């Protein structure tokens, strides 16, 4: 079972006319995308019931878009878009490989003076003469 959807991959690839790209070439592009997902995620047995399935599909389709655009498009702008799709797919695969499901946000206990009455108010000043001796650390 292919990870990527051929219609979506074709759309990501700029939706070239059927006269420009055959169905078998779209299938080949999706096979390329699937292969890249397997290689970069380190897992080859993805199934549609996996929690990350949507990410797997999207990565495959973005890799397929790269394949389509680099084989059938002769525009520098679209070539740049192909490279952008490749990079996005790589990022998704890195997240899949690491087991990450997104970004982790960390916060500290620091609070500004209005929220922390024990903190000293911070005052900055403008250095008008650019003398390094005026800088304090």
Foldseek 3Di string as FASTA:
>chain_A
DFLADLVLLCVLLVVDDCVQPPPVLSVVLLVQLLVVLCVLLVHNDDDPVDPCSVLSHQLSSLSSSLVSCVVRPDDPVSNVSNVVSNVVSNVSSNCNNVVHPDDDDDDDPDDACVVPVVDDHDDDDDDDPPDPVPDDD
